[in-house]
Amino acid sequence: MPDYLGFFGLRDHPFRMTPDTDYFYPSPEHKAALESLKYGILKREGFLVLTGEPGMGKTLLIRLLFKELPTDVLTAMVLTPTLGPKELFEAILEDLSIPASGSKESLLKTFRDYLFGLAKEGKTLLLVIDEAQNLPVESLEELRLLSNFETEKGKLLQILLSGQPLLEEKLRSSDLSQLAQRITIWEKLEPFGREEVLDYVRFRLARAGGAGVVFSRGVDRELHRLTGGIPRVINKVMDRALLIAFARGTSRVSPQIVREAAEAAALSIRTSRKTTLRKYVLWGFLGLLILLGLVYAVFVGR
């Protein structure tokens, strides 16, 4: 497959799908979430939660968070959270390269001893559970009990639960009310608005070393309509759009090219919540006018 980098004066692929902290777009919402999580960790707040639709950049945000934490905060991350309590402890210890086996109680003791060892060195541990909406309720309850590990100076362990919006619904259920009470920071990433979409695209192009792409009028509207403002979907469409423009020998990306790119990427057309709401309001208003017109006609006809 031909490469469009040289044609657009780029030194790197600006819209690759893998999370890359060099391409972190500091939207006000993402930046605020990063600072809030960092503050909570440094203050040893205990439980933190980060939610957002798939493709909103949660993993990228966590990677950037890891890079900005001081050296006395160690990190562990569990990426396959469809685990029972014992399997969860095994996954945590494995990520920390701590050899352990036996019963759940034995694993828990090993983990507790590790945390107290860190405390003696003036260090703490941040445990991140990704896709945490998949964790069974009993595993989430075990995490709550882990948060009891503390000294007079503060928590020995902090836990960041990251996942899709279902995670928030799960945590607010009556089964997990005690856990919800311990969560001090809730951050939710929302899709980009229409104004942010093109800024995001131009930011990534600039980071990739080129400004040779020209956008026709209406691209921002079409791109937002087709992607719903989800960064990962924007990347998918824009990568195809640049390839189509390159194949046609043009540096201009038009709304038509964006539509073709979305179709080539097998992307179902998305509509933002605000757009959908506006449509419902408009149809409701038209329906009301028709109803009033009928009522008027009946009474006037008399």
Protein backbone atom coordinates (compact mmCIF):
# COMPACT_ATOMS: atom_id res chain seq x y z
CA MET A 1 0.00 0.00 0.00
CA PRO A 2 1.44 3.43 -0.91
CA ASP A 3 2.43 5.77 1.88
CA TYR A 4 1.24 9.37 2.02
CA LEU A 5 3.89 10.73 4.42
CA GLY A 6 6.20 12.30 1.85
CA PHE A 7 3.33 13.72 -0.19
CA PHE A 8 2.02 15.71 2.81
CA GLY A 9 5.45 16.50 4.24
CA LEU A 10 4.97 14.30 7.31
CA ARG A 11 7.72 12.47 9.19
CA ASP A 12 5.35 10.18 11.07
CA HIS A 13 1.87 8.71 10.79
CA PRO A 14 -0.33 11.21 12.65
CA PHE A 15 -3.40 9.01 13.03
CA ARG A 16 -2.13 5.62 14.13
CA MET A 17 -4.49 3.75 16.42
CA THR A 18 -2.08 2.85 19.24
CA PRO A 19 -1.96 5.23 22.25
CA ASP A 20 1.10 7.51 22.04
CA THR A 21 1.77 10.14 24.70
CA ASP A 22 3.60 12.30 22.14
CA TYR A 23 0.21 12.81 20.48
CA PHE A 24 -1.77 13.61 23.61
CA TYR A 25 -4.21 16.38 22.67
CA PRO A 26 -4.60 18.64 25.72
CA SER A 27 -8.28 19.42 25.38
CA PRO A 28 -9.61 21.31 28.43
CA GLU A 29 -11.51 18.20 29.55
CA HIS A 30 -8.62 15.76 29.15
CA LYS A 31 -6.19 18.16 30.78
CA ALA A 32 -8.53 18.74 33.74
CA ALA A 33 -8.99 14.97 34.19
CA LEU A 34 -5.22 14.42 34.16
CA GLU A 35 -4.59 17.12 36.75
CA SER A 36 -7.43 15.91 38.96
CA LEU A 37 -6.18 12.32 38.96
CA LYS A 38 -2.62 13.43 39.60
CA TYR A 39 -3.76 15.58 42.51
CA GLY A 40 -5.73 12.70 44.03
CA ILE A 41 -2.77 10.34 43.78
CA LEU A 42 -0.31 12.78 45.30
CA LYS A 43 -2.76 13.47 48.15
CA ARG A 44 -3.23 9.71 48.66
CA GLU A 45 -6.98 9.96 48.22
CA GLY A 46 -7.59 6.20 47.91
CA PHE A 47 -10.05 5.30 45.15
CA LEU A 48 -10.22 7.15 41.83
CA VAL A 49 -12.44 6.49 38.80
CA LEU A 50 -11.99 7.40 35.13
CA THR A 51 -14.77 6.62 32.66
CA GLY A 52 -15.47 7.31 29.01
CA GLU A 53 -16.75 5.71 25.83
CA PRO A 54 -14.37 3.32 24.02
CA GLY A 55 -11.79 5.28 22.05
CA MET A 56 -11.93 8.41 24.22
CA GLY A 57 -8.25 8.18 25.22
CA LYS A 58 -8.43 6.69 28.73
CA THR A 59 -5.41 4.43 28.20
CA LEU A 60 -3.42 7.31 26.71
CA LEU A 61 -4.32 9.50 29.68
CA ILE A 62 -3.17 6.79 32.11
CA ARG A 63 0.14 6.38 30.28
CA LEU A 64 0.74 10.11 30.50
CA LEU A 65 -0.20 10.01 34.19
CA PHE A 66 2.42 7.31 34.79
CA LYS A 67 5.08 9.49 33.17
CA GLU A 68 4.23 12.51 35.32
CA LEU A 69 4.12 10.78 38.71
CA PRO A 70 7.08 11.16 41.08
CA THR A 71 9.49 8.26 41.51
CA ASP A 72 8.16 7.40 44.97
CA VAL A 73 4.83 6.32 43.42
CA LEU A 74 5.16 2.86 41.87
CA THR A 75 2.56 1.59 39.43
CA ALA A 76 0.89 -1.70 38.51
CA MET A 77 -1.72 -2.28 35.85
CA VAL A 78 -4.18 -5.12 35.25
CA LEU A 79 -5.48 -5.28 31.68
CA THR A 80 -7.64 -8.42 31.83
CA PRO A 81 -10.08 -7.73 34.66
CA THR A 82 -12.66 -10.48 34.04
CA LEU A 83 -11.14 -12.17 37.05
CA GLY A 84 -12.36 -13.52 40.36
CA PRO A 85 -10.71 -12.27 43.58
CA LYS A 86 -7.94 -14.91 43.66
CA GLU A 87 -7.13 -14.52 39.95
CA LEU A 88 -7.09 -10.75 40.40
CA PHE A 89 -4.50 -10.96 43.19
CA GLU A 90 -2.41 -13.31 41.03
CA ALA A 91 -2.53 -10.83 38.14
CA ILE A 92 -1.50 -7.94 40.40
CA LEU A 93 1.45 -9.84 41.87
CA GLU A 94 2.50 -11.02 38.41
CA ASP A 95 2.56 -7.44 37.12
CA LEU A 96 4.74 -6.51 40.09
CA SER A 97 7.04 -9.48 39.35
CA ILE A 98 6.40 -10.92 42.80
CA PRO A 99 6.48 -14.72 42.88
CA ALA A 100 3.48 -16.06 44.80
CA SER A 101 1.15 -19.01 44.89
CA GLY A 102 -1.35 -20.70 47.18
CA SER A 103 -4.67 -19.62 48.59
CA LYS A 104 -6.26 -16.21 48.25
CA GLU A 105 -5.33 -15.48 51.86
CA SER A 106 -1.69 -16.36 51.13
CA LEU A 107 -1.63 -14.07 48.10
CA LEU A 108 -3.18 -11.29 50.11
CA LYS A 109 -0.54 -11.62 52.83
CA THR A 110 2.23 -11.51 50.22
CA PHE A 111 0.74 -8.35 48.74
CA ARG A 112 0.28 -6.72 52.15
CA ASP A 113 3.90 -7.44 53.10
CA TYR A 114 5.01 -5.91 49.81
CA LEU A 115 3.03 -2.72 50.52
CA PHE A 116 4.47 -2.38 54.02
CA GLY A 117 7.93 -2.88 52.56
CA LEU A 118 7.29 0.02 50.18
CA ALA A 119 6.10 2.18 53.07
CA LYS A 120 9.40 1.67 54.89
CA GLU A 121 11.11 3.06 51.79
CA GLY A 122 8.75 6.05 51.69
CA LYS A 123 6.93 4.75 48.62
CA THR A 124 3.34 3.94 47.67
CA LEU A 125 1.67 1.90 44.95
CA LEU A 126 -0.88 3.00 42.37
CA LEU A 127 -2.90 0.07 41.05
CA VAL A 128 -4.78 0.67 37.79
CA ILE A 129 -7.54 -1.68 36.69
CA ASP A 130 -8.35 -1.10 33.01
CA GLU A 131 -11.76 -2.06 31.56
CA ALA A 132 -12.89 -2.30 35.17
CA GLN A 133 -16.56 -2.51 34.21
CA ASN A 134 -15.87 -6.21 33.54
CA LEU A 135 -14.77 -6.97 37.08
CA PRO A 136 -17.18 -9.18 39.05
CA VAL A 137 -18.81 -7.52 42.05
CA GLU A 138 -16.94 -9.78 44.47
CA SER A 139 -13.59 -8.69 42.97
CA LEU A 140 -14.53 -5.03 43.33
CA GLU A 141 -15.39 -5.72 46.96
CA GLU A 142 -11.95 -7.28 47.48
CA LEU A 143 -10.40 -4.10 46.11
CA ARG A 144 -12.36 -2.14 48.69
CA LEU A 145 -10.84 -4.27 51.43
CA LEU A 146 -7.37 -3.71 49.98
CA SER A 147 -7.85 0.01 50.44
CA ASN A 148 -7.81 -0.57 54.20
CA PHE A 149 -4.04 -1.01 54.06
CA GLU A 150 -2.69 2.20 55.54
CA THR A 151 -0.34 3.71 58.09
CA GLU A 152 -0.57 6.88 60.15
CA LYS A 153 0.94 8.71 57.16
CA GLY A 154 -1.77 7.65 54.74
CA LYS A 155 -2.84 4.96 52.29
CA LEU A 156 -0.33 2.33 51.23
CA LEU A 157 -2.32 1.60 48.09
CA GLN A 158 -4.31 3.75 45.71
CA ILE A 159 -6.61 2.25 43.13
CA LEU A 160 -7.66 3.80 39.83
CA LEU A 161 -10.59 2.10 38.14
CA SER A 162 -10.79 2.91 34.43
CA GLY A 163 -13.61 1.78 32.19
CA GLN A 164 -16.64 2.44 30.05
CA PRO A 165 -19.77 4.29 31.32
CA LEU A 166 -21.16 0.96 32.56
CA LEU A 167 -18.50 1.10 35.29
CA GLU A 168 -20.11 4.17 36.85
CA GLU A 169 -23.54 2.49 36.79
CA LYS A 170 -22.05 -0.58 38.42
CA LEU A 171 -20.29 1.39 41.16
CA ARG A 172 -23.47 3.29 42.00
CA SER A 173 -25.47 0.09 42.49
CA SER A 174 -26.60 -0.87 45.98
CA ASP A 175 -24.23 -3.89 45.95
CA LEU A 176 -21.21 -1.58 45.88
CA SER A 177 -22.43 1.32 48.01
CA GLN A 178 -19.56 0.95 50.49
CA LEU A 179 -17.01 1.09 47.68
CA ALA A 180 -18.71 4.12 46.09
CA GLN A 181 -18.41 5.98 49.41
CA ARG A 182 -14.63 5.63 49.24
CA ILE A 183 -14.26 7.09 45.76
CA THR A 184 -12.96 10.63 46.09
CA ILE A 185 -12.41 11.52 42.45
CA TRP A 186 -14.71 10.71 39.52
CA GLU A 187 -13.60 11.84 36.07
CA LYS A 188 -15.60 11.28 32.89
CA LEU A 189 -14.27 11.95 29.39
CA GLU A 190 -16.87 13.23 26.91
CA PRO A 191 -16.55 13.24 23.08
CA PHE A 192 -15.14 16.33 21.39
CA GLY A 193 -17.47 19.06 20.26
CA ARG A 194 -17.54 20.18 16.64
CA GLU A 195 -15.09 23.02 17.35
CA GLU A 196 -12.55 20.65 18.92
CA VAL A 197 -12.58 17.99 16.19
CA LEU A 198 -10.61 19.94 13.60
CA ASP A 199 -8.30 21.38 16.28
CA TYR A 200 -7.53 17.79 17.31
CA VAL A 201 -6.79 16.80 13.70
CA ARG A 202 -4.54 19.81 13.09
CA PHE A 203 -2.74 19.21 16.40
CA ARG A 204 -1.83 15.65 15.41
CA LEU A 205 -0.75 16.74 11.94
CA ALA A 206 1.52 19.39 13.46
CA ARG A 207 3.01 16.85 15.89
CA ALA A 208 3.78 14.60 12.92
CA GLY A 209 5.84 17.39 11.39
CA GLY A 210 3.69 18.56 8.54
CA ALA A 211 1.16 21.22 7.65
CA GLY A 212 0.63 20.26 4.03
CA VAL A 213 -3.01 19.28 4.44
CA VAL A 214 -5.72 21.77 3.46
CA PHE A 215 -9.30 21.40 4.72
CA SER A 216 -12.29 22.52 2.73
CA ARG A 217 -15.20 24.29 4.36
CA GLY A 218 -17.56 21.94 6.17
CA VAL A 219 -14.99 19.23 6.99
CA ASP A 220 -15.33 19.91 10.71
CA ARG A 221 -19.10 19.46 10.59
CA GLU A 222 -18.91 16.26 8.52
CA LEU A 223 -16.09 14.77 10.58
CA HIS A 224 -17.95 15.44 13.81
CA ARG A 225 -21.17 13.98 12.41
CA LEU A 226 -19.50 10.79 11.22
CA THR A 227 -17.28 10.16 14.25
CA GLY A 228 -19.36 11.51 17.12
CA GLY A 229 -16.24 13.30 18.38
CA ILE A 230 -14.54 10.04 19.45
CA PRO A 231 -10.73 10.43 19.03
CA ARG A 232 -10.07 6.82 17.96
CA VAL A 233 -12.78 7.02 15.29
CA ILE A 234 -11.45 10.39 14.10
CA ASN A 235 -8.02 8.77 13.69
CA LYS A 236 -9.51 5.92 11.68
CA VAL A 237 -11.39 8.23 9.31
CA MET A 238 -8.56 10.75 8.89
CA ASP A 239 -5.99 8.08 8.07
CA ARG A 240 -8.24 6.85 5.25
CA ALA A 241 -9.02 10.42 4.17
CA LEU A 242 -5.32 11.24 3.72
CA LEU A 243 -4.82 8.04 1.77
CA ILE A 244 -7.72 8.90 -0.56
CA ALA A 245 -6.45 12.47 -1.05
CA PHE A 246 -2.96 11.14 -1.76
CA ALA A 247 -4.29 8.66 -4.32
CA ARG A 248 -6.01 11.54 -6.12
CA GLY A 249 -2.94 13.76 -6.00
CA THR A 250 -4.58 16.48 -3.93
CA SER A 251 -3.57 18.00 -0.62
CA ARG A 252 -7.13 19.18 0.02
CA VAL A 253 -9.47 17.12 2.21
CA SER A 254 -13.11 17.83 1.43
CA PRO A 255 -16.34 16.71 3.14
CA GLN A 256 -16.83 14.26 0.26
CA ILE A 257 -13.44 12.67 0.91
CA VAL A 258 -14.29 12.40 4.61
CA ARG A 259 -17.54 10.61 3.74
CA GLU A 260 -15.70 8.23 1.41
CA ALA A 261 -13.10 7.58 4.10
CA ALA A 262 -15.79 6.73 6.63
CA GLU A 263 -17.38 4.32 4.14
CA ALA A 264 -14.01 2.75 3.28
CA ALA A 265 -13.31 2.27 6.98
CA ALA A 266 -16.63 0.44 7.33
CA LEU A 267 -17.74 3.10 9.78
CA SER A 268 -21.38 3.33 10.69
CA ILE A 269 -22.54 6.93 10.66
CA ARG A 270 -22.63 8.36 14.14
CA THR A 271 -24.75 11.24 15.32
CA SER A 272 -23.83 13.25 18.38
CA ARG A 273 -26.23 13.39 21.34
CA LYS A 274 -26.70 17.12 20.88
CA THR A 275 -27.56 16.70 17.19
CA THR A 276 -30.04 13.95 18.02
CA LEU A 277 -31.62 16.09 20.72
CA ARG A 278 -31.99 19.02 18.33
CA LYS A 279 -33.74 16.76 15.82
CA TYR A 280 -36.19 15.51 18.45
CA VAL A 281 -36.93 19.08 19.57
CA LEU A 282 -37.47 20.20 15.96
CA TRP A 283 -39.82 17.33 15.14
CA GLY A 284 -41.68 17.87 18.40
CA PHE A 285 -42.11 21.56 17.61
CA LEU A 286 -43.38 20.80 14.09
CA GLY A 287 -45.77 18.21 15.51
CA LEU A 288 -47.11 20.78 17.97
CA LEU A 289 -47.67 23.31 15.17
CA ILE A 290 -49.58 20.72 13.15
CA LEU A 291 -51.71 19.82 16.16
CA LEU A 292 -52.50 23.47 16.88
CA GLY A 293 -53.37 23.95 13.23
CA LEU A 294 -55.83 21.06 13.34
CA VAL A 295 -57.43 22.34 16.55
CA TYR A 296 -57.74 25.83 15.05
CA ALA A 297 -59.29 24.42 11.88
CA VAL A 298 -61.89 22.44 13.86
CA PHE A 299 -62.96 25.37 15.99
CA VAL A 300 -62.91 27.91 13.16
CA GLY A 301 -64.85 25.48 10.98
CA ARG A 302 -67.65 25.59 13.50
